[in-house]
């Protein structure tokens, strides 16, 4: 697989982390609908990543999860 060297690494990183955050949000919403759970706990080493933690928290707050 070839990666275009014309794309800034920070842009690639942001897109990756935004995708992960949206996936977590979608799963959280499904669990909420199926099981009527309204709390989300973020744990594990991945949430040592400040950008991902802040992005995820904001998405969950915006959706009132």
PDB file of N, CA and C in Angstrom:
ATOM      1  N   UNK A   1       0.855  -1.171   0.000  1.00  0.00           N
ATOM      2  CA  UNK A   1       0.000   0.000   0.000  1.00  0.00           C
ATOM      3  C   UNK A   1       0.900   1.232   0.000  1.00  0.00           C
ATOM      4  N   UNK A   2       0.606   2.177  -0.855  1.00  0.00           N
ATOM      5  CA  UNK A   2       1.397   3.389  -0.936  1.00  0.00           C
ATOM      6  C   UNK A   2       0.653   4.546  -0.268  1.00  0.00           C
ATOM      7  N   UNK A   3       1.383   5.288   0.522  1.00  0.00           N
ATOM      8  CA  UNK A   3       0.813   6.470   1.180  1.00  0.00           C
ATOM      9  C   UNK A   3       1.344   7.698   0.461  1.00  0.00           C
ATOM     10  N   UNK A   4       0.455   8.584   0.121  1.00  0.00           N
ATOM     11  CA  UNK A   4       0.844   9.813  -0.564  1.00  0.00           C
ATOM     12  C   UNK A   4       1.649  10.685   0.391  1.00  0.00           C
ATOM     13  N   UNK A   5       2.835  11.052   0.002  1.00  0.00           N
ATOM     14  CA  UNK A   5       3.703  11.860   0.858  1.00  0.00           C
ATOM     15  C   UNK A   5       3.320  13.337   0.834  1.00  0.00           C
ATOM     16  N   UNK A   6       2.321  13.686   0.071  1.00  0.00           N
ATOM     17  CA  UNK A   6       1.893  15.079  -0.002  1.00  0.00           C
ATOM     18  C   UNK A   6       0.876  15.425   1.089  1.00  0.00           C
ATOM     19  N   UNK A   7       0.438  14.428   1.850  1.00  0.00           N
ATOM     20  CA  UNK A   7      -0.549  14.646   2.902  1.00  0.00           C
ATOM     21  C   UNK A   7       0.184  14.751   4.237  1.00  0.00           C
ATOM     22  N   UNK A   8      -0.091  15.809   4.955  1.00  0.00           N
ATOM     23  CA  UNK A   8       0.555  16.034   6.238  1.00  0.00           C
ATOM     24  C   UNK A   8       0.161  14.945   7.229  1.00  0.00           C
ATOM     25  N   UNK A   9       1.130  14.473   7.994  1.00  0.00           N
ATOM     26  CA  UNK A   9       0.886  13.398   8.959  1.00  0.00           C
ATOM     27  C   UNK A   9      -0.165  13.794   9.997  1.00  0.00           C
ATOM     28  N   UNK A  10      -0.217  15.068  10.365  1.00  0.00           N
ATOM     29  CA  UNK A  10      -1.211  15.498  11.361  1.00  0.00           C
ATOM     30  C   UNK A  10      -2.631  15.358  10.815  1.00  0.00           C
ATOM     31  N   UNK A  11      -2.808  15.561   9.522  1.00  0.00           N
ATOM     32  CA  UNK A  11      -4.128  15.394   8.912  1.00  0.00           C
ATOM     33  C   UNK A  11      -4.530  13.922   8.902  1.00  0.00           C
ATOM     34  N   UNK A  12      -3.606  13.062   8.554  1.00  0.00           N
ATOM     35  CA  UNK A  12      -3.876  11.620   8.558  1.00  0.00           C
ATOM     36  C   UNK A  12      -4.230  11.173   9.970  1.00  0.00           C
ATOM     37  N   UNK A  13      -3.468  11.633  10.946  1.00  0.00           N
ATOM     38  CA  UNK A  13      -3.710  11.281  12.347  1.00  0.00           C
ATOM     39  C   UNK A  13      -5.081  11.763  12.813  1.00  0.00           C
ATOM     40  N   UNK A  14      -5.417  12.998  12.499  1.00  0.00           N
ATOM     41  CA  UNK A  14      -6.719  13.548  12.914  1.00  0.00           C
ATOM     42  C   UNK A  14      -7.861  12.749  12.303  1.00  0.00           C
ATOM     43  N   UNK A  15      -7.749  12.414  11.028  1.00  0.00           N
ATOM     44  CA  UNK A  15      -8.808  11.636  10.377  1.00  0.00           C
ATOM     45  C   UNK A  15      -8.954  10.259  11.021  1.00  0.00           C
ATOM     46  N   UNK A  16      -7.838   9.640  11.343  1.00  0.00           N
ATOM     47  CA  UNK A  16      -7.864   8.329  11.996  1.00  0.00           C
ATOM     48  C   UNK A  16      -8.562   8.421  13.350  1.00  0.00           C
ATOM     49  N   UNK A  17      -8.144   9.368  14.176  1.00  0.00           N
ATOM     50  CA  UNK A  17      -8.714   9.495  15.516  1.00  0.00           C
ATOM     51  C   UNK A  17     -10.179   9.918  15.477  1.00  0.00           C
ATOM     52  N   UNK A  18     -10.547  10.778  14.542  1.00  0.00           N
ATOM     53  CA  UNK A  18     -11.957  11.159  14.390  1.00  0.00           C
ATOM     54  C   UNK A  18     -12.808   9.952  13.995  1.00  0.00           C
ATOM     55  N   UNK A  19     -12.267   9.080  13.157  1.00  0.00           N
ATOM     56  CA  UNK A  19     -12.987   7.876  12.751  1.00  0.00           C
ATOM     57  C   UNK A  19     -13.190   6.946  13.936  1.00  0.00           C
ATOM     58  N   UNK A  20     -12.165   6.767  14.743  1.00  0.00           N
ATOM     59  CA  UNK A  20     -12.282   5.930  15.939  1.00  0.00           C
ATOM     60  C   UNK A  20     -13.337   6.518  16.889  1.00  0.00           C
ATOM     61  N   UNK A  21     -13.301   7.825  17.100  1.00  0.00           N
ATOM     62  CA  UNK A  21     -14.262   8.485  17.991  1.00  0.00           C
ATOM     63  C   UNK A  21     -15.689   8.313  17.489  1.00  0.00           C
ATOM     64  N   UNK A  22     -15.898   8.455  16.202  1.00  0.00           N
ATOM     65  CA  UNK A  22     -17.248   8.278  15.642  1.00  0.00           C
ATOM     66  C   UNK A  22     -17.720   6.832  15.773  1.00  0.00           C
ATOM     67  N   UNK A  23     -16.814   5.884  15.597  1.00  0.00           N
ATOM     68  CA  UNK A  23     -17.177   4.470  15.743  1.00  0.00           C
ATOM     69  C   UNK A  23     -17.605   4.178  17.184  1.00  0.00           C
ATOM     70  N   UNK A  24     -16.866   4.716  18.155  1.00  0.00           N
ATOM     71  CA  UNK A  24     -17.230   4.540  19.558  1.00  0.00           C
ATOM     72  C   UNK A  24     -18.593   5.172  19.835  1.00  0.00           C
ATOM     73  N   UNK A  25     -18.837   6.334  19.257  1.00  0.00           N
ATOM     74  CA  UNK A  25     -20.130   6.997  19.426  1.00  0.00           C
ATOM     75  C   UNK A  25     -21.258   6.142  18.861  1.00  0.00           C
ATOM     76  N   UNK A  26     -21.067   5.597  17.667  1.00  0.00           N
ATOM     77  CA  UNK A  26     -22.105   4.773  17.042  1.00  0.00           C
ATOM     78  C   UNK A  26     -22.409   3.538  17.882  1.00  0.00           C
ATOM     79  N   UNK A  27     -21.378   2.883  18.393  1.00  0.00           N
ATOM     80  CA  UNK A  27     -21.587   1.704  19.233  1.00  0.00           C
ATOM     81  C   UNK A  27     -22.305   2.098  20.519  1.00  0.00           C
ATOM     82  N   UNK A  28     -21.917   3.219  21.098  1.00  0.00           N
ATOM     83  CA  UNK A  28     -22.569   3.703  22.322  1.00  0.00           C
ATOM     84  C   UNK A  28     -24.043   3.977  22.080  1.00  0.00           C
ATOM     85  N   UNK A  29     -24.368   4.567  20.938  1.00  0.00           N
ATOM     86  CA  UNK A  29     -25.770   4.847  20.617  1.00  0.00           C
ATOM     87  C   UNK A  29     -26.562   3.560  20.433  1.00  0.00           C
ATOM     88  N   UNK A  30     -25.973   2.561  19.808  1.00  0.00           N
ATOM     89  CA  UNK A  30     -26.661   1.269  19.632  1.00  0.00           C
ATOM     90  C   UNK A  30     -26.942   0.607  20.972  1.00  0.00           C
ATOM     91  N   UNK A  31     -25.927   0.625  21.834  1.00  0.00           N
ATOM     92  CA  UNK A  31     -26.107   0.034  23.159  1.00  0.00           C
ATOM     93  C   UNK A  31     -27.196   0.773  23.925  1.00  0.00           C
ATOM     94  N   UNK A  32     -27.220   2.079  23.792  1.00  0.00           N
ATOM     95  CA  UNK A  32     -28.245   2.882  24.469  1.00  0.00           C
ATOM     96  C   UNK A  32     -29.643   2.482  24.013  1.00  0.00           C
ATOM     97  N   UNK A  33     -29.824   2.358  22.697  1.00  0.00           N
ATOM     98  CA  UNK A  33     -31.137   1.989  22.160  1.00  0.00           C
ATOM     99  C   UNK A  33     -31.547   0.576  22.565  1.00  0.00           C
ATOM    100  N   UNK A  34     -30.623  -0.362  22.500  1.00  0.00           N
ATOM    101  CA  UNK A  34     -30.958  -1.763  22.769  1.00  0.00           C
ATOM    102  C   UNK A  34     -31.145  -2.074  24.245  1.00  0.00           C
ATOM    103  N   UNK A  35     -30.358  -1.404  25.103  1.00  0.00           N
ATOM    104  CA  UNK A  35     -30.335  -1.789  26.509  1.00  0.00           C
ATOM    105  C   UNK A  35     -30.718  -0.669  27.472  1.00  0.00           C
ATOM    106  N   UNK A  36     -31.108   0.473  26.934  1.00  0.00           N
ATOM    107  CA  UNK A  36     -31.517   1.627  27.752  1.00  0.00           C
ATOM    108  C   UNK A  36     -30.454   2.045  28.766  1.00  0.00           C
ATOM    109  N   UNK A  37     -29.189   1.933  28.380  1.00  0.00           N
ATOM    110  CA  UNK A  37     -28.087   2.378  29.231  1.00  0.00           C
ATOM    111  C   UNK A  37     -27.721   3.802  28.839  1.00  0.00           C
ATOM    112  N   UNK A  38     -27.493   4.652  29.823  1.00  0.00           N
ATOM    113  CA  UNK A  38     -27.233   6.057  29.543  1.00  0.00           C
ATOM    114  C   UNK A  38     -25.880   6.546  30.037  1.00  0.00           C
ATOM    115  N   UNK A  39     -25.007   5.638  30.425  1.00  0.00           N
ATOM    116  CA  UNK A  39     -23.675   6.023  30.873  1.00  0.00           C
ATOM    117  C   UNK A  39     -22.633   5.335  30.023  1.00  0.00           C
ATOM    118  N   UNK A  40     -21.575   6.060  29.725  1.00  0.00           N
ATOM    119  CA  UNK A  40     -20.455   5.519  28.968  1.00  0.00           C
ATOM    120  C   UNK A  40     -19.211   5.677  29.826  1.00  0.00           C
ATOM    121  N   UNK A  41     -18.432   4.619  29.922  1.00  0.00           N
ATOM    122  CA  UNK A  41     -17.176   4.662  30.657  1.00  0.00           C
ATOM    123  C   UNK A  41     -16.042   4.518  29.648  1.00  0.00           C
ATOM    124  N   UNK A  42     -15.135   5.473  29.667  1.00  0.00           N
ATOM    125  CA  UNK A  42     -13.976   5.440  28.781  1.00  0.00           C
ATOM    126  C   UNK A  42     -12.782   4.983  29.603  1.00  0.00           C
ATOM    127  N   UNK A  43     -12.198   3.852  29.235  1.00  0.00           N
ATOM    128  CA  UNK A  43     -11.066   3.348  30.006  1.00  0.00           C
ATOM    129  C   UNK A  43     -10.054   2.708  29.080  1.00  0.00           C
ATOM    130  N   UNK A  44      -8.916   2.439  29.608  1.00  0.00           N
ATOM    131  CA  UNK A  44      -7.867   1.782  28.846  1.00  0.00           C
ATOM    132  C   UNK A  44      -6.825   2.766  28.357  1.00  0.00           C
ATOM    133  N   UNK A  45      -5.717   2.227  27.947  1.00  0.00           N
ATOM    134  CA  UNK A  45      -4.578   3.029  27.526  1.00  0.00           C
ATOM    135  C   UNK A  45      -4.851   3.940  26.351  1.00  0.00           C
ATOM    136  N   UNK A  46      -5.785   3.561  25.472  1.00  0.00           N
ATOM    137  CA  UNK A  46      -6.069   4.391  24.305  1.00  0.00           C
ATOM    138  C   UNK A  46      -6.543   5.777  24.712  1.00  0.00           C
ATOM    139  N   UNK A  47      -7.165   5.877  25.871  1.00  0.00           N
ATOM    140  CA  UNK A  47      -7.668   7.179  26.306  1.00  0.00           C
ATOM    141  C   UNK A  47      -6.612   8.002  27.040  1.00  0.00           C
ATOM    142  N   UNK A  48      -5.356   7.543  26.998  1.00  0.00           N
ATOM    143  CA  UNK A  48      -4.232   8.381  27.401  1.00  0.00           C
ATOM    144  C   UNK A  48      -3.936   9.388  26.291  1.00  0.00           C
ATOM    145  N   UNK A  49      -4.485   9.114  25.104  1.00  0.00           N
ATOM    146  CA  UNK A  49      -4.333  10.027  23.972  1.00  0.00           C
ATOM    147  C   UNK A  49      -5.269  11.212  24.203  1.00  0.00           C
ATOM    148  N   UNK A  50      -4.693  12.359  24.474  1.00  0.00           N
ATOM    149  CA  UNK A  50      -5.482  13.553  24.842  1.00  0.00           C
ATOM    150  C   UNK A  50      -6.477  13.935  23.751  1.00  0.00           C
ATOM    151  N   UNK A  51      -6.044  13.916  22.501  1.00  0.00           N
ATOM    152  CA  UNK A  51      -6.932  14.301  21.396  1.00  0.00           C
ATOM    153  C   UNK A  51      -8.143  13.379  21.347  1.00  0.00           C
ATOM    154  N   UNK A  52      -7.895  12.067  21.394  1.00  0.00           N
ATOM    155  CA  UNK A  52      -8.999  11.110  21.304  1.00  0.00           C
ATOM    156  C   UNK A  52      -9.943  11.239  22.498  1.00  0.00           C
ATOM    157  N   UNK A  53      -9.400  11.387  23.680  1.00  0.00           N
ATOM    158  CA  UNK A  53     -10.236  11.533  24.872  1.00  0.00           C
ATOM    159  C   UNK A  53     -11.120  12.777  24.785  1.00  0.00           C
ATOM    160  N   UNK A  54     -10.538  13.899  24.401  1.00  0.00           N
ATOM    161  CA  UNK A  54     -11.324  15.140  24.307  1.00  0.00           C
ATOM    162  C   UNK A  54     -12.355  15.067  23.193  1.00  0.00           C
ATOM    163  N   UNK A  55     -11.985  14.505  22.056  1.00  0.00           N
ATOM    164  CA  UNK A  55     -12.924  14.367  20.931  1.00  0.00           C
ATOM    165  C   UNK A  55     -14.080  13.450  21.321  1.00  0.00           C
ATOM    166  N   UNK A  56     -13.748  12.307  21.930  1.00  0.00           N
ATOM    167  CA  UNK A  56     -14.775  11.354  22.321  1.00  0.00           C
ATOM    168  C   UNK A  56     -15.711  11.941  23.354  1.00  0.00           C
ATOM    169  N   UNK A  57     -15.155  12.601  24.338  1.00  0.00           N
ATOM    170  CA  UNK A  57     -15.970  13.224  25.385  1.00  0.00           C
ATOM    171  C   UNK A  57     -16.919  14.249  24.784  1.00  0.00           C
ATOM    172  N   UNK A  58     -16.432  15.072  23.881  1.00  0.00           N
ATOM    173  CA  UNK A  58     -17.295  16.088  23.263  1.00  0.00           C
ATOM    174  C   UNK A  58     -18.418  15.456  22.449  1.00  0.00           C
ATOM    175  N   UNK A  59     -18.113  14.422  21.679  1.00  0.00           N
ATOM    176  CA  UNK A  59     -19.154  13.755  20.893  1.00  0.00           C
ATOM    177  C   UNK A  59     -20.228  13.150  21.807  1.00  0.00           C
ATOM    178  N   UNK A  60     -19.808  12.533  22.889  1.00  0.00           N
ATOM    179  CA  UNK A  60     -20.765  11.921  23.818  1.00  0.00           C
ATOM    180  C   UNK A  60     -21.604  12.980  24.534  1.00  0.00           C
ATOM    181  N   UNK A  61     -20.992  14.080  24.919  1.00  0.00           N
ATOM    182  CA  UNK A  61     -21.738  15.169  25.572  1.00  0.00           C
ATOM    183  C   UNK A  61     -22.747  15.758  24.598  1.00  0.00           C
ATOM    184  N   UNK A  62     -22.332  15.974  23.361  1.00  0.00           N
ATOM    185  CA  UNK A  62     -23.225  16.530  22.349  1.00  0.00           C
ATOM    186  C   UNK A  62     -24.446  15.646  22.129  1.00  0.00           C
ATOM    187  N   UNK A  63     -24.273  14.345  22.229  1.00  0.00           N
ATOM    188  CA  UNK A  63     -25.382  13.386  22.043  1.00  0.00           C
ATOM    189  C   UNK A  63     -26.084  13.072  23.362  1.00  0.00           C
ATOM    190  N   UNK A  64     -25.622  13.695  24.439  1.00  0.00           N
ATOM    191  CA  UNK A  64     -26.184  13.478  25.778  1.00  0.00           C
ATOM    192  C   UNK A  64     -26.117  12.020  26.207  1.00  0.00           C
ATOM    193  N   UNK A  65     -24.972  11.407  25.952  1.00  0.00           N
ATOM    194  CA  UNK A  65     -24.751  10.015  26.379  1.00  0.00           C
ATOM    195  C   UNK A  65     -23.906  10.004  27.616  1.00  0.00           C
TER     196      UNK A  65
END
